[in-house]
Amino acid sequence: MEVQGIRYLFYGDLVDIDRVPGVELTLSTKNTTTVSNPLLFGDVSTRQTMESFSFYNLPGVATFFYKGDKLELPQDFRTVWKTRPLKP
């Protein structure tokens, strides 16, 4: 954490993250498969599946996906943390 140019070490868990375009906590992909039946002329079927990926919450780590060509987070991009004691 940095306050007035001074950096401080802290231990914490991520509680919330700003919702800005491109930032996702879960990545979902849609896959479309087209299958034709070789025994029946013109018999074509389409199947769609969805897959979702997310990260485990790790202490002191903020992880997210970014959809876009170039990672550009706003200057005031915020994360919210709940601090934890130095010793468990």
PDB file of N, CA and C in Angstrom:
ATOM      1  N   MET A   1       0.862  -1.150   0.000  1.00  0.00           N
ATOM      2  CA  MET A   1       0.000   0.000   0.000  1.00  0.00           C
ATOM      3  C   MET A   1       0.917   1.222   0.000  1.00  0.00           C
ATOM      4  N   GLU A   2       0.475   2.241  -0.727  1.00  0.00           N
ATOM      5  CA  GLU A   2       1.259   3.468  -0.768  1.00  0.00           C
ATOM      6  C   GLU A   2       0.377   4.644  -0.372  1.00  0.00           C
ATOM      7  N   VAL A   3       0.867   5.428   0.584  1.00  0.00           N
ATOM      8  CA  VAL A   3       0.154   6.612   1.056  1.00  0.00           C
ATOM      9  C   VAL A   3       1.153   7.761   1.091  1.00  0.00           C
ATOM     10  N   GLN A   4       0.846   8.835   0.390  1.00  0.00           N
ATOM     11  CA  GLN A   4       1.686  10.027   0.317  1.00  0.00           C
ATOM     12  C   GLN A   4       3.145   9.672  -0.001  1.00  0.00           C
ATOM     13  N   GLY A   5       3.313   8.753  -0.947  1.00  0.00           N
ATOM     14  CA  GLY A   5       4.646   8.378  -1.398  1.00  0.00           C
ATOM     15  C   GLY A   5       5.385   7.398  -0.502  1.00  0.00           C
ATOM     16  N   ILE A   6       4.790   6.991   0.612  1.00  0.00           N
ATOM     17  CA  ILE A   6       5.430   6.028   1.522  1.00  0.00           C
ATOM     18  C   ILE A   6       4.746   4.670   1.339  1.00  0.00           C
ATOM     19  N   ARG A   7       5.547   3.639   1.150  1.00  0.00           N
ATOM     20  CA  ARG A   7       5.008   2.291   0.958  1.00  0.00           C
ATOM     21  C   ARG A   7       4.977   1.536   2.279  1.00  0.00           C
ATOM     22  N   TYR A   8       3.834   0.882   2.533  1.00  0.00           N
ATOM     23  CA  TYR A   8       3.636   0.123   3.757  1.00  0.00           C
ATOM     24  C   TYR A   8       3.319  -1.326   3.400  1.00  0.00           C
ATOM     25  N   LEU A   9       3.859  -2.248   4.183  1.00  0.00           N
ATOM     26  CA  LEU A   9       3.578  -3.664   4.011  1.00  0.00           C
ATOM     27  C   LEU A   9       2.392  -4.039   4.872  1.00  0.00           C
ATOM     28  N   PHE A  10       1.462  -4.796   4.327  1.00  0.00           N
ATOM     29  CA  PHE A  10       0.359  -5.304   5.122  1.00  0.00           C
ATOM     30  C   PHE A  10      -0.043  -6.673   4.585  1.00  0.00           C
ATOM     31  N   TYR A  11      -0.687  -7.445   5.420  1.00  0.00           N
ATOM     32  CA  TYR A  11      -1.224  -8.742   5.019  1.00  0.00           C
ATOM     33  C   TYR A  11      -2.731  -8.600   4.961  1.00  0.00           C
ATOM     34  N   GLY A  12      -3.328  -9.099   3.887  1.00  0.00           N
ATOM     35  CA  GLY A  12      -4.762  -8.941   3.766  1.00  0.00           C
ATOM     36  C   GLY A  12      -5.374  -9.879   2.749  1.00  0.00           C
ATOM     37  N   ASP A  13      -6.689  -9.874   2.737  1.00  0.00           N
ATOM     38  CA  ASP A  13      -7.477 -10.665   1.798  1.00  0.00           C
ATOM     39  C   ASP A  13      -8.296  -9.709   0.940  1.00  0.00           C
ATOM     40  N   LEU A  14      -8.340  -9.980  -0.343  1.00  0.00           N
ATOM     41  CA  LEU A  14      -9.111  -9.153  -1.264  1.00  0.00           C
ATOM     42  C   LEU A  14     -10.599  -9.300  -0.967  1.00  0.00           C
ATOM     43  N   VAL A  15     -11.283  -8.172  -0.821  1.00  0.00           N
ATOM     44  CA  VAL A  15     -12.719  -8.164  -0.542  1.00  0.00           C
ATOM     45  C   VAL A  15     -13.499  -7.743  -1.783  1.00  0.00           C
ATOM     46  N   ASP A  16     -13.009  -6.717  -2.482  1.00  0.00           N
ATOM     47  CA  ASP A  16     -13.742  -6.196  -3.633  1.00  0.00           C
ATOM     48  C   ASP A  16     -12.754  -5.571  -4.606  1.00  0.00           C
ATOM     49  N   ILE A  17     -13.197  -5.459  -5.847  1.00  0.00           N
ATOM     50  CA  ILE A  17     -12.374  -4.879  -6.902  1.00  0.00           C
ATOM     51  C   ILE A  17     -13.285  -4.025  -7.775  1.00  0.00           C
ATOM     52  N   ASP A  18     -12.787  -2.896  -8.251  1.00  0.00           N
ATOM     53  CA  ASP A  18     -13.595  -2.023  -9.106  1.00  0.00           C
ATOM     54  C   ASP A  18     -14.082  -2.763 -10.340  1.00  0.00           C
ATOM     55  N   ARG A  19     -15.304  -2.468 -10.716  1.00  0.00           N
ATOM     56  CA  ARG A  19     -15.867  -3.029 -11.948  1.00  0.00           C
ATOM     57  C   ARG A  19     -15.630  -2.017 -13.058  1.00  0.00           C
ATOM     58  N   VAL A  20     -14.664  -2.294 -13.890  1.00  0.00           N
ATOM     59  CA  VAL A  20     -14.362  -1.432 -15.027  1.00  0.00           C
ATOM     60  C   VAL A  20     -14.401  -2.290 -16.282  1.00  0.00           C
ATOM     61  N   PRO A  21     -14.643  -1.696 -17.451  1.00  0.00           N
ATOM     62  CA  PRO A  21     -14.709  -2.467 -18.682  1.00  0.00           C
ATOM     63  C   PRO A  21     -13.444  -3.308 -18.880  1.00  0.00           C
ATOM     64  N   GLY A  22     -13.644  -4.578 -19.156  1.00  0.00           N
ATOM     65  CA  GLY A  22     -12.538  -5.492 -19.419  1.00  0.00           C
ATOM     66  C   GLY A  22     -12.110  -6.308 -18.219  1.00  0.00           C
ATOM     67  N   VAL A  23     -12.371  -5.824 -16.997  1.00  0.00           N
ATOM     68  CA  VAL A  23     -11.953  -6.554 -15.795  1.00  0.00           C
ATOM     69  C   VAL A  23     -13.032  -7.568 -15.424  1.00  0.00           C
ATOM     70  N   GLU A  24     -12.623  -8.814 -15.292  1.00  0.00           N
ATOM     71  CA  GLU A  24     -13.547  -9.901 -14.955  1.00  0.00           C
ATOM     72  C   GLU A  24     -12.927 -10.760 -13.859  1.00  0.00           C
ATOM     73  N   LEU A  25     -13.726 -11.173 -12.884  1.00  0.00           N
ATOM     74  CA  LEU A  25     -13.245 -12.103 -11.863  1.00  0.00           C
ATOM     75  C   LEU A  25     -13.357 -13.548 -12.348  1.00  0.00           C
ATOM     76  N   THR A  26     -14.254 -13.780 -13.295  1.00  0.00           N
ATOM     77  CA  THR A  26     -14.432 -15.101 -13.899  1.00  0.00           C
ATOM     78  C   THR A  26     -14.363 -14.941 -15.404  1.00  0.00           C
ATOM     79  N   LEU A  27     -13.641 -15.830 -16.055  1.00  0.00           N
ATOM     80  CA  LEU A  27     -13.545 -15.822 -17.507  1.00  0.00           C
ATOM     81  C   LEU A  27     -14.458 -16.910 -18.055  1.00  0.00           C
ATOM     82  N   SER A  28     -15.400 -16.528 -18.894  1.00  0.00           N
ATOM     83  CA  SER A  28     -16.308 -17.499 -19.502  1.00  0.00           C
ATOM     84  C   SER A  28     -16.085 -17.523 -20.997  1.00  0.00           C
ATOM     85  N   THR A  29     -16.033 -18.718 -21.544  1.00  0.00           N
ATOM     86  CA  THR A  29     -15.859 -18.874 -22.984  1.00  0.00           C
ATOM     87  C   THR A  29     -16.970 -19.761 -23.519  1.00  0.00           C
ATOM     88  N   LYS A  30     -17.457 -19.406 -24.692  1.00  0.00           N
ATOM     89  CA  LYS A  30     -18.490 -20.190 -25.349  1.00  0.00           C
ATOM     90  C   LYS A  30     -17.848 -20.917 -26.525  1.00  0.00           C
ATOM     91  N   ASN A  31     -18.044 -22.223 -26.578  1.00  0.00           N
ATOM     92  CA  ASN A  31     -17.514 -23.034 -27.664  1.00  0.00           C
ATOM     93  C   ASN A  31     -18.669 -23.589 -28.476  1.00  0.00           C
ATOM     94  N   THR A  32     -18.601 -23.442 -29.787  1.00  0.00           N
ATOM     95  CA  THR A  32     -19.627 -23.978 -30.679  1.00  0.00           C
ATOM     96  C   THR A  32     -18.997 -25.051 -31.559  1.00  0.00           C
ATOM     97  N   THR A  33     -19.621 -26.203 -31.581  1.00  0.00           N
ATOM     98  CA  THR A  33     -19.142 -27.320 -32.398  1.00  0.00           C
ATOM     99  C   THR A  33     -20.244 -27.714 -33.362  1.00  0.00           C
ATOM    100  N   THR A  34     -19.887 -27.820 -34.636  1.00  0.00           N
ATOM    101  CA  THR A  34     -20.834 -28.273 -35.655  1.00  0.00           C
ATOM    102  C   THR A  34     -20.449 -29.684 -36.067  1.00  0.00           C
ATOM    103  N   VAL A  35     -21.419 -30.580 -36.019  1.00  0.00           N
ATOM    104  CA  VAL A  35     -21.172 -31.989 -36.340  1.00  0.00           C
ATOM    105  C   VAL A  35     -22.129 -32.398 -37.451  1.00  0.00           C
ATOM    106  N   SER A  36     -21.578 -33.031 -38.477  1.00  0.00           N
ATOM    107  CA  SER A  36     -22.435 -33.554 -39.543  1.00  0.00           C
ATOM    108  C   SER A  36     -22.432 -35.071 -39.470  1.00  0.00           C
ATOM    109  N   ASN A  37     -23.581 -35.657 -39.765  1.00  0.00           N
ATOM    110  CA  ASN A  37     -23.736 -37.109 -39.759  1.00  0.00           C
ATOM    111  C   ASN A  37     -23.394 -37.619 -41.154  1.00  0.00           C
ATOM    112  N   PRO A  38     -22.308 -38.395 -41.314  1.00  0.00           N
ATOM    113  CA  PRO A  38     -21.913 -38.865 -42.637  1.00  0.00           C
ATOM    114  C   PRO A  38     -22.919 -39.839 -43.251  1.00  0.00           C
ATOM    115  N   LEU A  39     -23.793 -40.413 -42.447  1.00  0.00           N
ATOM    116  CA  LEU A  39     -24.771 -41.372 -42.960  1.00  0.00           C
ATOM    117  C   LEU A  39     -26.037 -40.698 -43.481  1.00  0.00           C
ATOM    118  N   LEU A  40     -26.283 -39.474 -43.032  1.00  0.00           N
ATOM    119  CA  LEU A  40     -27.495 -38.760 -43.449  1.00  0.00           C
ATOM    120  C   LEU A  40     -27.093 -37.441 -44.089  1.00  0.00           C
ATOM    121  N   PHE A  41     -27.349 -37.295 -45.380  1.00  0.00           N
ATOM    122  CA  PHE A  41     -26.993 -36.085 -46.110  1.00  0.00           C
ATOM    123  C   PHE A  41     -27.758 -34.889 -45.544  1.00  0.00           C
ATOM    124  N   GLY A  42     -27.047 -33.833 -45.233  1.00  0.00           N
ATOM    125  CA  GLY A  42     -27.677 -32.607 -44.743  1.00  0.00           C
ATOM    126  C   GLY A  42     -27.991 -32.609 -43.265  1.00  0.00           C
ATOM    127  N   ASP A  43     -27.701 -33.707 -42.566  1.00  0.00           N
ATOM    128  CA  ASP A  43     -27.974 -33.768 -41.128  1.00  0.00           C
ATOM    129  C   ASP A  43     -26.802 -33.140 -40.372  1.00  0.00           C
ATOM    130  N   VAL A  44     -26.994 -31.885 -39.973  1.00  0.00           N
ATOM    131  CA  VAL A  44     -25.952 -31.147 -39.265  1.00  0.00           C
ATOM    132  C   VAL A  44     -26.520 -30.672 -37.933  1.00  0.00           C
ATOM    133  N   SER A  45     -25.764 -30.869 -36.880  1.00  0.00           N
ATOM    134  CA  SER A  45     -26.209 -30.384 -35.570  1.00  0.00           C
ATOM    135  C   SER A  45     -25.117 -29.502 -34.974  1.00  0.00           C
ATOM    136  N   THR A  46     -25.561 -28.576 -34.167  1.00  0.00           N
ATOM    137  CA  THR A  46     -24.648 -27.645 -33.517  1.00  0.00           C
ATOM    138  C   THR A  46     -24.778 -27.808 -32.014  1.00  0.00           C
ATOM    139  N   ARG A  47     -23.634 -27.832 -31.342  1.00  0.00           N
ATOM    140  CA  ARG A  47     -23.628 -27.967 -29.890  1.00  0.00           C
ATOM    141  C   ARG A  47     -22.811 -26.822 -29.296  1.00  0.00           C
ATOM    142  N   GLN A  48     -23.366 -26.172 -28.274  1.00  0.00           N
ATOM    143  CA  GLN A  48     -22.656 -25.090 -27.603  1.00  0.00           C
ATOM    144  C   GLN A  48     -22.365 -25.499 -26.162  1.00  0.00           C
ATOM    145  N   THR A  49     -21.151 -25.188 -25.730  1.00  0.00           N
ATOM    146  CA  THR A  49     -20.775 -25.432 -24.344  1.00  0.00           C
ATOM    147  C   THR A  49     -20.168 -24.149 -23.779  1.00  0.00           C
ATOM    148  N   MET A  50     -20.310 -23.977 -22.475  1.00  0.00           N
ATOM    149  CA  MET A  50     -19.714 -22.833 -21.772  1.00  0.00           C
ATOM    150  C   MET A  50     -18.711 -23.368 -20.766  1.00  0.00           C
ATOM    151  N   GLU A  51     -17.566 -22.718 -20.715  1.00  0.00           N
ATOM    152  CA  GLU A  51     -16.567 -23.032 -19.706  1.00  0.00           C
ATOM    153  C   GLU A  51     -16.278 -21.767 -18.912  1.00  0.00           C
ATOM    154  N   SER A  52     -16.139 -21.915 -17.621  1.00  0.00           N
ATOM    155  CA  SER A  52     -15.816 -20.778 -16.761  1.00  0.00           C
ATOM    156  C   SER A  52     -14.558 -21.091 -15.973  1.00  0.00           C
ATOM    157  N   PHE A  53     -13.697 -20.081 -15.881  1.00  0.00           N
ATOM    158  CA  PHE A  53     -12.446 -20.211 -15.154  1.00  0.00           C
ATOM    159  C   PHE A  53     -12.367 -19.094 -14.122  1.00  0.00           C
ATOM    160  N   SER A  54     -11.879 -19.419 -12.937  1.00  0.00           N
ATOM    161  CA  SER A  54     -11.651 -18.403 -11.919  1.00  0.00           C
ATOM    162  C   SER A  54     -10.431 -18.823 -11.106  1.00  0.00           C
ATOM    163  N   PHE A  55      -9.888 -17.875 -10.360  1.00  0.00           N
ATOM    164  CA  PHE A  55      -8.721 -18.134  -9.535  1.00  0.00           C
ATOM    165  C   PHE A  55      -9.145 -18.436  -8.106  1.00  0.00           C
ATOM    166  N   TYR A  56      -8.325 -19.200  -7.413  1.00  0.00           N
ATOM    167  CA  TYR A  56      -8.507 -19.359  -5.972  1.00  0.00           C
ATOM    168  C   TYR A  56      -8.113 -18.050  -5.302  1.00  0.00           C
ATOM    169  N   ASN A  57      -8.784 -17.728  -4.201  1.00  0.00           N
ATOM    170  CA  ASN A  57      -8.404 -16.544  -3.443  1.00  0.00           C
ATOM    171  C   ASN A  57      -7.159 -16.870  -2.633  1.00  0.00           C
ATOM    172  N   LEU A  58      -6.094 -16.158  -2.907  1.00  0.00           N
ATOM    173  CA  LEU A  58      -4.846 -16.339  -2.178  1.00  0.00           C
ATOM    174  C   LEU A  58      -4.616 -15.121  -1.292  1.00  0.00           C
ATOM    175  N   PRO A  59      -4.174 -15.327  -0.058  1.00  0.00           N
ATOM    176  CA  PRO A  59      -3.923 -14.183   0.822  1.00  0.00           C
ATOM    177  C   PRO A  59      -2.908 -13.228   0.196  1.00  0.00           C
ATOM    178  N   GLY A  60      -3.251 -11.950   0.181  1.00  0.00           N
ATOM    179  CA  GLY A  60      -2.335 -10.931  -0.316  1.00  0.00           C
ATOM    180  C   GLY A  60      -2.231 -10.826  -1.819  1.00  0.00           C
ATOM    181  N   VAL A  61      -3.095 -11.529  -2.539  1.00  0.00           N
ATOM    182  CA  VAL A  61      -3.018 -11.534  -4.002  1.00  0.00           C
ATOM    183  C   VAL A  61      -4.365 -11.118  -4.583  1.00  0.00           C
ATOM    184  N   ALA A  62      -4.338 -10.146  -5.496  1.00  0.00           N
ATOM    185  CA  ALA A  62      -5.544  -9.750  -6.225  1.00  0.00           C
ATOM    186  C   ALA A  62      -5.395 -10.285  -7.644  1.00  0.00           C
ATOM    187  N   THR A  63      -6.237 -11.235  -8.027  1.00  0.00           N
ATOM    188  CA  THR A  63      -6.163 -11.818  -9.366  1.00  0.00           C
ATOM    189  C   THR A  63      -7.460 -11.555 -10.119  1.00  0.00           C
ATOM    190  N   PHE A  64      -7.327 -11.278 -11.407  1.00  0.00           N
ATOM    191  CA  PHE A  64      -8.492 -11.053 -12.249  1.00  0.00           C
ATOM    192  C   PHE A  64      -8.091 -11.265 -13.702  1.00  0.00           C
ATOM    193  N   PHE A  65      -9.091 -11.398 -14.547  1.00  0.00           N
ATOM    194  CA  PHE A  65      -8.887 -11.516 -15.986  1.00  0.00           C
ATOM    195  C   PHE A  65      -9.135 -10.155 -16.615  1.00  0.00           C
ATOM    196  N   TYR A  66      -8.478  -9.903 -17.730  1.00  0.00           N
ATOM    197  CA  TYR A  66      -8.697  -8.672 -18.466  1.00  0.00           C
ATOM    198  C   TYR A  66      -8.951  -9.010 -19.923  1.00  0.00           C
ATOM    199  N   LYS A  67     -10.108  -8.603 -20.424  1.00  0.00           N
ATOM    200  CA  LYS A  67     -10.443  -8.800 -21.835  1.00  0.00           C
ATOM    201  C   LYS A  67     -10.121  -7.525 -22.593  1.00  0.00           C
ATOM    202  N   GLY A  68      -9.211  -7.625 -23.531  1.00  0.00           N
ATOM    203  CA  GLY A  68      -8.832  -6.461 -24.314  1.00  0.00           C
ATOM    204  C   GLY A  68      -7.480  -6.681 -24.957  1.00  0.00           C
ATOM    205  N   ASP A  69      -7.136  -5.791 -25.846  1.00  0.00           N
ATOM    206  CA  ASP A  69      -5.857  -5.889 -26.548  1.00  0.00           C
ATOM    207  C   ASP A  69      -4.701  -5.420 -25.689  1.00  0.00           C
ATOM    208  N   LYS A  70      -4.966  -4.457 -24.811  1.00  0.00           N
ATOM    209  CA  LYS A  70      -3.906  -3.862 -24.006  1.00  0.00           C
ATOM    210  C   LYS A  70      -4.459  -3.583 -22.615  1.00  0.00           C
ATOM    211  N   LEU A  71      -3.720  -3.984 -21.593  1.00  0.00           N
ATOM    212  CA  LEU A  71      -4.169  -3.761 -20.225  1.00  0.00           C
ATOM    213  C   LEU A  71      -4.064  -2.278 -19.893  1.00  0.00           C
ATOM    214  N   GLU A  72      -5.215  -1.648 -19.716  1.00  0.00           N
ATOM    215  CA  GLU A  72      -5.266  -0.235 -19.361  1.00  0.00           C
ATOM    216  C   GLU A  72      -6.277  -0.065 -18.233  1.00  0.00           C
ATOM    217  N   LEU A  73      -5.770   0.017 -17.021  1.00  0.00           N
ATOM    218  CA  LEU A  73      -6.630   0.245 -15.865  1.00  0.00           C
ATOM    219  C   LEU A  73      -6.639   1.735 -15.559  1.00  0.00           C
ATOM    220  N   PRO A  74      -7.788   2.275 -15.148  1.00  0.00           N
ATOM    221  CA  PRO A  74      -7.832   3.700 -14.822  1.00  0.00           C
ATOM    222  C   PRO A  74      -6.904   4.024 -13.652  1.00  0.00           C
ATOM    223  N   GLN A  75      -6.429   5.255 -13.598  1.00  0.00           N
ATOM    224  CA  GLN A  75      -5.508   5.679 -12.548  1.00  0.00           C
ATOM    225  C   GLN A  75      -6.113   5.488 -11.160  1.00  0.00           C
ATOM    226  N   ASP A  76      -7.434   5.620 -11.041  1.00  0.00           N
ATOM    227  CA  ASP A  76      -8.071   5.482  -9.735  1.00  0.00           C
ATOM    228  C   ASP A  76      -8.667   4.090  -9.512  1.00  0.00           C
ATOM    229  N   PHE A  77      -8.154   3.094 -10.226  1.00  0.00           N
ATOM    230  CA  PHE A  77      -8.616   1.710 -10.062  1.00  0.00           C
ATOM    231  C   PHE A  77      -8.415   1.284  -8.614  1.00  0.00           C
ATOM    232  N   ARG A  78      -9.487   0.785  -7.982  1.00  0.00           N
ATOM    233  CA  ARG A  78      -9.430   0.501  -6.547  1.00  0.00           C
ATOM    234  C   ARG A  78      -9.645  -0.972  -6.250  1.00  0.00           C
ATOM    235  N   THR A  79      -8.952  -1.423  -5.225  1.00  0.00           N
ATOM    236  CA  THR A  79      -9.204  -2.725  -4.634  1.00  0.00           C
ATOM    237  C   THR A  79      -9.462  -2.502  -3.149  1.00  0.00           C
ATOM    238  N   VAL A  80     -10.303  -3.337  -2.556  1.00  0.00           N
ATOM    239  CA  VAL A  80     -10.627  -3.233  -1.133  1.00  0.00           C
ATOM    240  C   VAL A  80     -10.126  -4.500  -0.449  1.00  0.00           C
ATOM    241  N   TRP A  81      -9.414  -4.302   0.646  1.00  0.00           N
ATOM    242  CA  TRP A  81      -8.792  -5.417   1.363  1.00  0.00           C
ATOM    243  C   TRP A  81      -9.242  -5.453   2.812  1.00  0.00           C
ATOM    244  N   LYS A  82      -9.282  -6.646   3.374  1.00  0.00           N
ATOM    245  CA  LYS A  82      -9.481  -6.811   4.815  1.00  0.00           C
ATOM    246  C   LYS A  82      -8.132  -7.256   5.367  1.00  0.00           C
ATOM    247  N   THR A  83      -7.567  -6.437   6.237  1.00  0.00           N
ATOM    248  CA  THR A  83      -6.244  -6.760   6.766  1.00  0.00           C
ATOM    249  C   THR A  83      -6.317  -7.941   7.719  1.00  0.00           C
ATOM    250  N   ARG A  84      -5.182  -8.624   7.819  1.00  0.00           N
ATOM    251  CA  ARG A  84      -5.082  -9.755   8.726  1.00  0.00           C
ATOM    252  C   ARG A  84      -3.851  -9.561   9.600  1.00  0.00           C
ATOM    253  N   PRO A  85      -3.795 -10.230  10.759  1.00  0.00           N
ATOM    254  CA  PRO A  85      -2.643 -10.050  11.643  1.00  0.00           C
ATOM    255  C   PRO A  85      -1.362 -10.602  11.017  1.00  0.00           C
ATOM    256  N   LEU A  86      -0.223 -10.077  11.448  1.00  0.00           N
ATOM    257  CA  LEU A  86       1.049 -10.559  10.940  1.00  0.00           C
ATOM    258  C   LEU A  86       1.277 -12.025  11.266  1.00  0.00           C
ATOM    259  N   LYS A  87       0.835 -12.461  12.446  1.00  0.00           N
ATOM    260  CA  LYS A  87       0.959 -13.869  12.845  1.00  0.00           C
ATOM    261  C   LYS A  87      -0.433 -14.447  13.000  1.00  0.00           C
ATOM    262  N   PRO A  88      -0.668 -15.627  12.379  1.00  0.00           N
ATOM    263  CA  PRO A  88      -2.008 -16.244  12.496  1.00  0.00           C
ATOM    264  C   PRO A  88      -2.350 -16.700  13.901  1.00  0.00           C
TER     265      PRO A  88
END
